[in-house]
C-alpha atoms as a PDB file:
ATOM      1  CA  MET A   1       0.015  -0.002  -0.100  1.00  0.00           C
ATOM      2  CA  ILE A   2       1.489   3.340  -1.060  1.00  0.00           C
ATOM      3  CA  THR A   3       0.697   6.060   1.345  1.00  0.00           C
ATOM      4  CA  GLN A   4      -0.540   9.643   0.601  1.00  0.00           C
ATOM      5  CA  THR A   5       2.630  11.039   2.104  1.00  0.00           C
ATOM      6  CA  THR A   6       4.742   8.893  -0.478  1.00  0.00           C
ATOM      7  CA  LYS A   7       2.534  10.057  -3.314  1.00  0.00           C
ATOM      8  CA  ASP A   8       2.795  13.753  -2.234  1.00  0.00           C
ATOM      9  CA  TYR A   9       6.656  13.255  -2.208  1.00  0.00           C
ATOM     10  CA  LEU A  10       6.604  11.750  -5.681  1.00  0.00           C
ATOM     11  CA  VAL A  11       4.476  14.635  -7.064  1.00  0.00           C
ATOM     12  CA  ARG A  12       6.968  17.193  -5.561  1.00  0.00           C
ATOM     13  CA  LEU A  13       9.922  15.508  -7.160  1.00  0.00           C
ATOM     14  CA  LEU A  14       8.462  15.206 -10.482  1.00  0.00           C
ATOM     15  CA  LYS A  15       7.685  18.908 -10.366  1.00  0.00           C
ATOM     16  CA  ARG A  16      11.384  19.460  -9.856  1.00  0.00           C
ATOM     17  CA  GLU A  17      12.042  17.096 -12.709  1.00  0.00           C
ATOM     18  CA  ALA A  18      13.739  14.507 -10.374  1.00  0.00           C
ATOM     19  CA  ARG A  19      12.875  11.017  -9.457  1.00  0.00           C
ATOM     20  CA  ARG A  20      13.453   8.835  -6.361  1.00  0.00           C
ATOM     21  CA  ASP A  21      16.131   6.715  -8.174  1.00  0.00           C
ATOM     22  CA  GLY A  22      17.857   9.405  -9.713  1.00  0.00           C
ATOM     23  CA  ARG A  23      16.765   9.152 -13.259  1.00  0.00           C
ATOM     24  CA  LYS A  24      15.720  11.820 -15.687  1.00  0.00           C
ATOM     25  CA  LEU A  25      12.088  12.215 -16.710  1.00  0.00           C
ATOM     26  CA  SER A  26      12.814  10.613 -20.110  1.00  0.00           C
ATOM     27  CA  GLU A  27      15.248   7.923 -18.827  1.00  0.00           C
ATOM     28  CA  TRP A  28      14.263   4.119 -18.891  1.00  0.00           C
ATOM     29  CA  ARG A  29      15.721   1.820 -16.274  1.00  0.00           C
ATOM     30  CA  LYS A  30      18.153  -0.929 -17.373  1.00  0.00           C
ATOM     31  CA  VAL A  31      16.801  -3.188 -20.024  1.00  0.00           C
ATOM     32  CA  VAL A  32      17.826  -7.050 -20.008  1.00  0.00           C
ATOM     33  CA  ILE A  33      16.528  -9.236 -22.871  1.00  0.00           C
ATOM     34  CA  GLU A  34      16.805 -13.059 -22.827  1.00  0.00           C
ATOM     35  CA  LYS A  35      15.676 -15.043 -25.677  1.00  0.00           C
ATOM     36  CA  GLY A  36      14.963 -18.812 -26.002  1.00  0.00           C
ATOM     37  CA  ILE A  37      14.018 -19.448 -22.370  1.00  0.00           C
ATOM     38  CA  GLY A  38      11.150 -21.963 -22.960  1.00  0.00           C
ATOM     39  CA  GLU A  39      12.148 -25.226 -24.368  1.00  0.00           C
ATOM     40  CA  ASN A  40       8.565 -26.250 -25.137  1.00  0.00           C
ATOM     41  CA  ALA A  41       7.657 -23.213 -26.928  1.00  0.00           C
ATOM     42  CA  GLU A  42       8.268 -22.284 -30.581  1.00  0.00           C
ATOM     43  CA  GLY A  43       9.546 -19.036 -29.426  1.00  0.00           C
ATOM     44  CA  SER A  44      10.135 -17.300 -26.144  1.00  0.00           C
ATOM     45  CA  ALA A  45      11.795 -14.418 -24.340  1.00  0.00           C
ATOM     46  CA  ARG A  46      12.110 -12.690 -21.027  1.00  0.00           C
ATOM     47  CA  VAL A  47      12.523  -8.871 -20.474  1.00  0.00           C
ATOM     48  CA  LYS A  48      13.483  -7.323 -17.123  1.00  0.00           C
ATOM     49  CA  LEU A  49      13.011  -3.513 -17.074  1.00  0.00           C
ATOM     50  CA  GLY A  50      14.474  -2.564 -13.832  1.00  0.00           C
ATOM     51  CA  ASP A  51      12.383  -4.977 -11.371  1.00  0.00           C
ATOM     52  CA  THR A  52       9.489  -5.449 -13.804  1.00  0.00           C
ATOM     53  CA  GLU A  53       9.810  -8.919 -15.500  1.00  0.00           C
ATOM     54  CA  VAL A  54       7.670 -10.173 -18.360  1.00  0.00           C
ATOM     55  CA  ILE A  55       7.972 -13.575 -20.190  1.00  0.00           C
ATOM     56  CA  VAL A  56       6.390 -14.116 -23.561  1.00  0.00           C
ATOM     57  CA  GLY A  57       5.896 -17.634 -25.169  1.00  0.00           C
ATOM     58  CA  ILE A  58       4.955 -18.346 -28.818  1.00  0.00           C
ATOM     59  CA  LYS A  59       3.133 -21.558 -29.724  1.00  0.00           C
ATOM     60  CA  MET A  60       2.109 -22.557 -33.306  1.00  0.00           C
ATOM     61  CA  GLN A  61      -1.044 -24.625 -33.970  1.00  0.00           C
ATOM     62  CA  VAL A  62      -2.865 -25.670 -37.291  1.00  0.00           C
ATOM     63  CA  GLY A  63      -6.014 -23.927 -37.474  1.00  0.00           C
ATOM     64  CA  GLU A  64      -8.559 -22.443 -39.799  1.00  0.00           C
ATOM     65  CA  PRO A  65      -8.308 -18.996 -41.358  1.00  0.00           C
ATOM     66  CA  TYR A  66     -10.838 -16.248 -40.618  1.00  0.00           C
ATOM     67  CA  PRO A  67     -13.545 -16.299 -43.180  1.00  0.00           C
ATOM     68  CA  ASP A  68     -12.600 -12.715 -44.485  1.00  0.00           C
ATOM     69  CA  LYS A  69      -8.905 -13.660 -44.669  1.00  0.00           C
ATOM     70  CA  PRO A  70      -8.740 -17.082 -46.251  1.00  0.00           C
ATOM     71  CA  ASP A  71      -5.101 -16.536 -47.397  1.00  0.00           C
ATOM     72  CA  GLU A  72      -3.753 -15.286 -44.109  1.00  0.00           C
ATOM     73  CA  GLY A  73      -2.689 -16.961 -40.973  1.00  0.00           C
ATOM     74  CA  VAL A  74      -3.900 -16.105 -37.564  1.00  0.00           C
ATOM     75  CA  MET A  75      -2.435 -14.488 -34.325  1.00  0.00           C
ATOM     76  CA  ILE A  76      -3.989 -14.728 -30.973  1.00  0.00           C
ATOM     77  CA  THR A  77      -2.552 -12.774 -28.079  1.00  0.00           C
ATOM     78  CA  MET A  78      -3.405 -13.464 -24.406  1.00  0.00           C
ATOM     79  CA  CYS A  79      -2.159 -11.852 -21.303  1.00  0.00           C
ATOM     80  CA  GLU A  80      -1.999 -13.161 -17.650  1.00  0.00           C
ATOM     81  CA  PHE A  81      -0.926 -11.440 -14.513  1.00  0.00           C
ATOM     82  CA  LEU A  82       0.540 -14.108 -12.290  1.00  0.00           C
ATOM     83  CA  PRO A  83      -0.502 -13.615  -8.684  1.00  0.00           C
ATOM     84  CA  MET A  84       3.095 -13.745  -7.511  1.00  0.00           C
ATOM     85  CA  ALA A  85       3.939 -10.700  -9.599  1.00  0.00           C
ATOM     86  CA  SER A  86       1.902  -8.214  -7.388  1.00  0.00           C
ATOM     87  CA  SER A  87      -0.075  -8.461  -4.217  1.00  0.00           C
ATOM     88  CA  SER A  88      -2.903  -6.634  -6.313  1.00  0.00           C
ATOM     89  CA  PHE A  89      -3.078  -9.594  -8.786  1.00  0.00           C
ATOM     90  CA  GLU A  90      -5.534 -12.443  -8.370  1.00  0.00           C
ATOM     91  CA  ALA A  91      -5.895 -15.939  -9.813  1.00  0.00           C
ATOM     92  CA  GLY A  92      -8.916 -16.146 -12.253  1.00  0.00           C
ATOM     93  CA  PRO A  93     -10.070 -15.099 -15.573  1.00  0.00           C
ATOM     94  CA  PRO A  94      -8.276 -12.145 -17.180  1.00  0.00           C
ATOM     95  CA  GLY A  95      -9.350  -8.806 -15.852  1.00  0.00           C
ATOM     96  CA  GLU A  96      -9.683  -5.447 -17.551  1.00  0.00           C
ATOM     97  CA  ASP A  97      -6.031  -4.528 -17.261  1.00  0.00           C
ATOM     98  CA  GLU A  98      -4.811  -7.926 -18.623  1.00  0.00           C
ATOM     99  CA  ILE A  99      -7.092  -7.722 -21.679  1.00  0.00           C
ATOM    100  CA  GLU A 100      -6.157  -3.962 -22.343  1.00  0.00           C
ATOM    101  CA  LEU A 101      -2.286  -4.674 -22.030  1.00  0.00           C
ATOM    102  CA  GLY A 102      -2.739  -7.676 -24.330  1.00  0.00           C
ATOM    103  CA  ARG A 103      -4.901  -5.709 -26.862  1.00  0.00           C
ATOM    104  CA  VAL A 104      -2.343  -2.858 -26.942  1.00  0.00           C
ATOM    105  CA  ILE A 105       0.682  -5.273 -27.588  1.00  0.00           C
ATOM    106  CA  ASP A 106      -1.349  -7.098 -30.168  1.00  0.00           C
ATOM    107  CA  ARG A 107      -2.338  -3.865 -32.064  1.00  0.00           C
ATOM    108  CA  GLY A 108       1.284  -2.752 -32.503  1.00  0.00           C
ATOM    109  CA  ILE A 109       2.283  -6.102 -33.821  1.00  0.00           C
ATOM    110  CA  ARG A 110      -0.798  -6.650 -36.061  1.00  0.00           C
ATOM    111  CA  GLU A 111      -0.960  -3.059 -37.450  1.00  0.00           C
ATOM    112  CA  GLY A 112       2.969  -2.878 -37.901  1.00  0.00           C
ATOM    113  CA  LYS A 113       2.503  -6.153 -40.084  1.00  0.00           C
ATOM    114  CA  VAL A 114       5.236  -7.787 -38.167  1.00  0.00           C
ATOM    115  CA  ILE A 115       4.404 -11.206 -39.215  1.00  0.00           C
ATOM    116  CA  ASP A 116       4.175 -12.209 -42.949  1.00  0.00           C
ATOM    117  CA  THR A 117       0.709 -13.946 -42.337  1.00  0.00           C
ATOM    118  CA  LYS A 118       0.278 -14.864 -46.045  1.00  0.00           C
ATOM    119  CA  LYS A 119       3.352 -17.078 -45.722  1.00  0.00           C
ATOM    120  CA  LEU A 120       1.391 -18.846 -42.707  1.00  0.00           C
ATOM    121  CA  VAL A 121      -1.071 -20.526 -45.139  1.00  0.00           C
ATOM    122  CA  ILE A 122      -0.931 -24.382 -45.411  1.00  0.00           C
ATOM    123  CA  VAL A 123      -3.924 -25.345 -47.483  1.00  0.00           C
ATOM    124  CA  PRO A 124      -5.456 -21.993 -48.968  1.00  0.00           C
ATOM    125  CA  GLY A 125      -8.911 -21.508 -47.362  1.00  0.00           C
ATOM    126  CA  GLU A 126      -8.606 -24.433 -45.000  1.00  0.00           C
ATOM    127  CA  LYS A 127      -5.505 -24.751 -43.029  1.00  0.00           C
ATOM    128  CA  VAL A 128      -3.225 -22.073 -41.620  1.00  0.00           C
ATOM    129  CA  TRP A 129      -0.911 -21.725 -38.889  1.00  0.00           C
ATOM    130  CA  THR A 130      -2.223 -20.106 -35.760  1.00  0.00           C
ATOM    131  CA  VAL A 131       0.287 -17.949 -33.731  1.00  0.00           C
ATOM    132  CA  PHE A 132      -0.494 -17.852 -30.057  1.00  0.00           C
ATOM    133  CA  MET A 133       1.390 -15.418 -28.131  1.00  0.00           C
ATOM    134  CA  ASP A 134       1.068 -15.545 -24.347  1.00  0.00           C
ATOM    135  CA  ILE A 135       2.045 -12.657 -22.220  1.00  0.00           C
ATOM    136  CA  TYR A 136       2.886 -13.449 -18.489  1.00  0.00           C
ATOM    137  CA  VAL A 137       3.787 -10.656 -15.971  1.00  0.00           C
ATOM    138  CA  VAL A 138       6.125 -12.333 -13.469  1.00  0.00           C
ATOM    139  CA  ASN A 139       6.973  -9.107 -11.304  1.00  0.00           C
ATOM    140  CA  ASP A 140       5.184  -5.767 -11.592  1.00  0.00           C
ATOM    141  CA  ASP A 141       7.375  -2.805 -10.662  1.00  0.00           C
ATOM    142  CA  GLY A 142       5.726  -0.654 -13.190  1.00  0.00           C
ATOM    143  CA  ASN A 143       5.466   0.137 -16.995  1.00  0.00           C
ATOM    144  CA  LEU A 144       4.297  -3.303 -17.882  1.00  0.00           C
ATOM    145  CA  TYR A 145       3.449  -1.873 -21.416  1.00  0.00           C
ATOM    146  CA  ASP A 146       6.833  -1.228 -22.463  1.00  0.00           C
ATOM    147  CA  ALA A 147       8.315  -4.534 -20.890  1.00  0.00           C
ATOM    148  CA  ALA A 148       5.646  -6.616 -22.504  1.00  0.00           C
ATOM    149  CA  ALA A 149       6.177  -4.990 -25.992  1.00  0.00           C
ATOM    150  CA  LEU A 150       9.878  -5.660 -25.933  1.00  0.00           C
ATOM    151  CA  ALA A 151       9.233  -9.244 -24.675  1.00  0.00           C
ATOM    152  CA  ALA A 152       6.693  -9.959 -27.341  1.00  0.00           C
ATOM    153  CA  MET A 153       8.888  -8.680 -30.183  1.00  0.00           C
ATOM    154  CA  ALA A 154      12.040 -10.541 -28.707  1.00  0.00           C
ATOM    155  CA  ALA A 155       9.999 -13.741 -28.646  1.00  0.00           C
ATOM    156  CA  LEU A 156       8.730 -13.298 -32.118  1.00  0.00           C
ATOM    157  CA  THR A 157      12.428 -13.225 -33.503  1.00  0.00           C
ATOM    158  CA  THR A 158      12.971 -16.599 -31.905  1.00  0.00           C
ATOM    159  CA  ALA A 159       9.802 -18.477 -33.374  1.00  0.00           C
ATOM    160  CA  LYS A 160      10.161 -21.368 -35.480  1.00  0.00           C
ATOM    161  CA  ILE A 161       7.435 -23.200 -37.518  1.00  0.00           C
ATOM    162  CA  PRO A 162       7.126 -26.785 -36.813  1.00  0.00           C
ATOM    163  CA  LYS A 163       7.092 -29.438 -39.497  1.00  0.00           C
ATOM    164  CA  LEU A 164       3.852 -31.360 -40.337  1.00  0.00           C
ATOM    165  CA  ASP A 165       3.303 -35.051 -41.248  1.00  0.00           C
ATOM    166  CA  GLU A 166       1.051 -35.914 -44.348  1.00  0.00           C
ATOM    167  CA  ASN A 167      -2.088 -35.646 -41.992  1.00  0.00           C
ATOM    168  CA  TYR A 168      -0.969 -32.041 -41.070  1.00  0.00           C
ATOM    169  CA  GLU A 169      -0.038 -33.138 -37.544  1.00  0.00           C
ATOM    170  CA  ILE A 170       2.860 -31.473 -35.880  1.00  0.00           C
ATOM    171  CA  ILE A 171       6.136 -33.469 -35.636  1.00  0.00           C
ATOM    172  CA  GLU A 172       7.591 -32.792 -32.210  1.00  0.00           C
ATOM    173  CA  GLY A 173      10.981 -31.497 -32.236  1.00  0.00           C
ATOM    174  CA  GLU A 174      11.202 -30.779 -35.962  1.00  0.00           C
ATOM    175  CA  TYR A 175      11.015 -27.436 -37.585  1.00  0.00           C
ATOM    176  CA  GLU A 176      10.751 -25.897 -41.211  1.00  0.00           C
ATOM    177  CA  GLY A 177      12.164 -22.625 -40.471  1.00  0.00           C
ATOM    178  CA  LYS A 178      11.804 -19.338 -38.830  1.00  0.00           C
ATOM    179  CA  LEU A 179       8.516 -17.449 -38.358  1.00  0.00           C
ATOM    180  CA  PRO A 180       8.338 -15.144 -41.296  1.00  0.00           C
ATOM    181  CA  LEU A 181       8.709 -11.591 -40.140  1.00  0.00           C
ATOM    182  CA  ASN A 182       8.435  -8.337 -42.130  1.00  0.00           C
ATOM    183  CA  HIS A 183       9.279  -5.825 -39.684  1.00  0.00           C
ATOM    184  CA  ALA A 184      10.064  -5.146 -36.032  1.00  0.00           C
ATOM    185  CA  VAL A 185       7.770  -3.104 -33.884  1.00  0.00           C
ATOM    186  CA  VAL A 186       8.294  -1.652 -30.438  1.00  0.00           C
ATOM    187  CA  SER A 187       5.646   0.141 -28.305  1.00  0.00           C
ATOM    188  CA  LEU A 188       6.809   2.781 -25.740  1.00  0.00           C
ATOM    189  CA  THR A 189       4.648   4.752 -23.295  1.00  0.00           C
ATOM    190  CA  ALA A 190       4.616   8.238 -22.086  1.00  0.00           C
ATOM    191  CA  TYR A 191       3.013   8.798 -18.647  1.00  0.00           C
ATOM    192  CA  LYS A 192       1.345  12.072 -17.306  1.00  0.00           C
ATOM    193  CA  ALA A 193       0.988  13.042 -13.552  1.00  0.00           C
ATOM    194  CA  GLY A 194      -0.637  16.445 -13.192  1.00  0.00           C
ATOM    195  CA  ASP A 195       1.226  18.476 -15.884  1.00  0.00           C
ATOM    196  CA  VAL A 196       4.448  16.400 -15.757  1.00  0.00           C
ATOM    197  CA  ILE A 197       5.117  14.113 -18.469  1.00  0.00           C
ATOM    198  CA  PHE A 198       7.659  11.208 -17.934  1.00  0.00           C
ATOM    199  CA  TYR A 199       8.674   7.766 -19.021  1.00  0.00           C
ATOM    200  CA  ASP A 200       9.126   4.094 -17.368  1.00  0.00           C
ATOM    201  CA  PRO A 201       7.556   4.791 -14.053  1.00  0.00           C
ATOM    202  CA  THR A 202       8.029   2.558 -11.084  1.00  0.00           C
ATOM    203  CA  HIS A 203       5.196   0.871  -9.349  1.00  0.00           C
ATOM    204  CA  GLN A 204       5.253   3.635  -6.917  1.00  0.00           C
ATOM    205  CA  GLU A 205       5.294   6.371  -9.619  1.00  0.00           C
ATOM    206  CA  GLU A 206       2.294   4.822 -11.229  1.00  0.00           C
ATOM    207  CA  SER A 207       0.304   5.532  -8.161  1.00  0.00           C
ATOM    208  CA  ILE A 208       0.173   9.157  -9.180  1.00  0.00           C
ATOM    209  CA  ILE A 209      -0.453   8.893 -12.969  1.00  0.00           C
ATOM    210  CA  ASP A 210      -3.474  10.278 -14.480  1.00  0.00           C
ATOM    211  CA  SER A 211      -2.901   9.226 -18.091  1.00  0.00           C
ATOM    212  CA  ARG A 212      -0.695   7.289 -20.398  1.00  0.00           C
ATOM    213  CA  LEU A 213      -0.040   7.255 -24.218  1.00  0.00           C
ATOM    214  CA  THR A 214       1.429   4.271 -25.775  1.00  0.00           C
ATOM    215  CA  VAL A 215       2.822   4.698 -29.436  1.00  0.00           C
ATOM    216  CA  GLY A 216       3.940   1.570 -31.621  1.00  0.00           C
ATOM    217  CA  VAL A 217       6.844   2.410 -33.818  1.00  0.00           C
ATOM    218  CA  ARG A 218       8.118   0.186 -36.653  1.00  0.00           C
ATOM    219  CA  ASP A 219      11.655  -0.354 -37.666  1.00  0.00           C
ATOM    220  CA  ASP A 220      11.251   2.075 -40.516  1.00  0.00           C
ATOM    221  CA  GLY A 221      10.013   4.815 -38.275  1.00  0.00           C
ATOM    222  CA  LYS A 222       6.352   4.483 -39.139  1.00  0.00           C
ATOM    223  CA  ILE A 223       3.921   5.141 -36.466  1.00  0.00           C
ATOM    224  CA  VAL A 224       1.612   1.958 -36.341  1.00  0.00           C
ATOM    225  CA  SER A 225      -0.619   2.291 -33.222  1.00  0.00           C
ATOM    226  CA  LEU A 226      -1.641   4.812 -30.777  1.00  0.00           C
ATOM    227  CA  GLN A 227      -3.368   4.048 -27.291  1.00  0.00           C
ATOM    228  CA  LYS A 228      -4.533   6.417 -24.680  1.00  0.00           C
ATOM    229  CA  GLY A 229      -5.199   4.949 -21.263  1.00  0.00           C
ATOM    230  CA  MET A 230      -6.801   6.126 -17.991  1.00  0.00           C
ATOM    231  CA  GLU A 231      -8.971   9.239 -17.462  1.00  0.00           C
ATOM    232  CA  GLY A 232      -6.397  12.146 -17.780  1.00  0.00           C
ATOM    233  CA  SER A 233      -6.267  14.381 -20.835  1.00  0.00           C
ATOM    234  CA  TRP A 234      -3.368  15.440 -23.339  1.00  0.00           C
ATOM    235  CA  THR A 235      -3.230  18.569 -25.219  1.00  0.00           C
ATOM    236  CA  GLU A 236      -2.478  18.290 -29.121  1.00  0.00           C
ATOM    237  CA  GLU A 237       0.940  19.668 -28.540  1.00  0.00           C
ATOM    238  CA  GLU A 238       1.848  17.133 -25.731  1.00  0.00           C
ATOM    239  CA  VAL A 239       0.517  14.239 -27.937  1.00  0.00           C
ATOM    240  CA  LEU A 240       2.667  15.450 -30.989  1.00  0.00           C
ATOM    241  CA  LYS A 241       5.800  16.114 -28.895  1.00  0.00           C
ATOM    242  CA  ASN A 242       5.691  12.819 -27.295  1.00  0.00           C
ATOM    243  CA  ILE A 243       4.966  10.961 -30.473  1.00  0.00           C
ATOM    244  CA  GLU A 244       7.988  12.604 -31.876  1.00  0.00           C
ATOM    245  CA  PHE A 245      10.238  11.533 -29.205  1.00  0.00           C
ATOM    246  CA  ILE A 246       9.139   8.029 -28.852  1.00  0.00           C
ATOM    247  CA  GLN A 247       9.397   7.719 -32.724  1.00  0.00           C
ATOM    248  CA  LYS A 248      13.145   8.437 -32.181  1.00  0.00           C
ATOM    249  CA  LYS A 249      13.739   6.540 -28.953  1.00  0.00           C
ATOM    250  CA  ALA A 250      12.062   3.339 -30.334  1.00  0.00           C
ATOM    251  CA  GLN A 251      14.848   2.720 -32.680  1.00  0.00           C
ATOM    252  CA  THR A 252      17.196   2.167 -29.853  1.00  0.00           C
ATOM    253  CA  PHE A 253      14.911  -0.464 -28.417  1.00  0.00           C
ATOM    254  CA  ILE A 254      14.397  -2.118 -31.746  1.00  0.00           C
ATOM    255  CA  LYS A 255      18.112  -2.481 -32.092  1.00  0.00           C
ATOM    256  CA  LYS A 256      18.344  -4.108 -28.564  1.00  0.00           C
ATOM    257  CA  VAL A 257      15.469  -6.587 -29.261  1.00  0.00           C
ATOM    258  CA  MET A 258      16.709  -7.598 -32.607  1.00  0.00           C
ATOM    259  CA  LYS A 259      20.172  -8.646 -31.474  1.00  0.00           C
END
């Protein structure tokens, strides 16, 4: 439980453009990316952003295409906040926060055309590969959106397509090649507390946030997604300024995630 005294202190710090851990307002915590951490997944990655930790696993299954896209494969994104990640997380069906986080990450990847879905067709109009992307929050110390976005992209870079037998059944342990990717996308988030805008908040700093703005940026610099969260407002000038900053900053994170 974060006390009102702590919240007031954090607000005073931000107004002085200072933070409890000594970072600048526009500075992220240390990022550690580990790939290929799951033996039973087609792709996987762990990202630690400060003390925040997110794991993403990729599984491939044979399925049917959507009726309106018979010549494309399918991607399904799910998110789960593990109870051990925070005292505020509970076991059970996905809550609103889990659903929103999953949708934001999914939108960046989908709208960025990251996966070449046309190359996931097995039998046109009948059988395609379905890419299941599962996001697991292992520890929440703030800014799950950026950590999950990095972990998702990192996991996709490691994903492989399983081999199939003559009955279109997966042959365990055998692969045809890597998941076909067109682009890399990273989503970064600006946070607003009062009139102060800053990046990569800790869990304590999130307690004073009024609004957030998540921007998805592709490796070619194109803005592919934009999501405002929470009840606070942004001026047009603030939105444009932060989009421009994120557009540049994202390239640094894309280089990290593609190593």
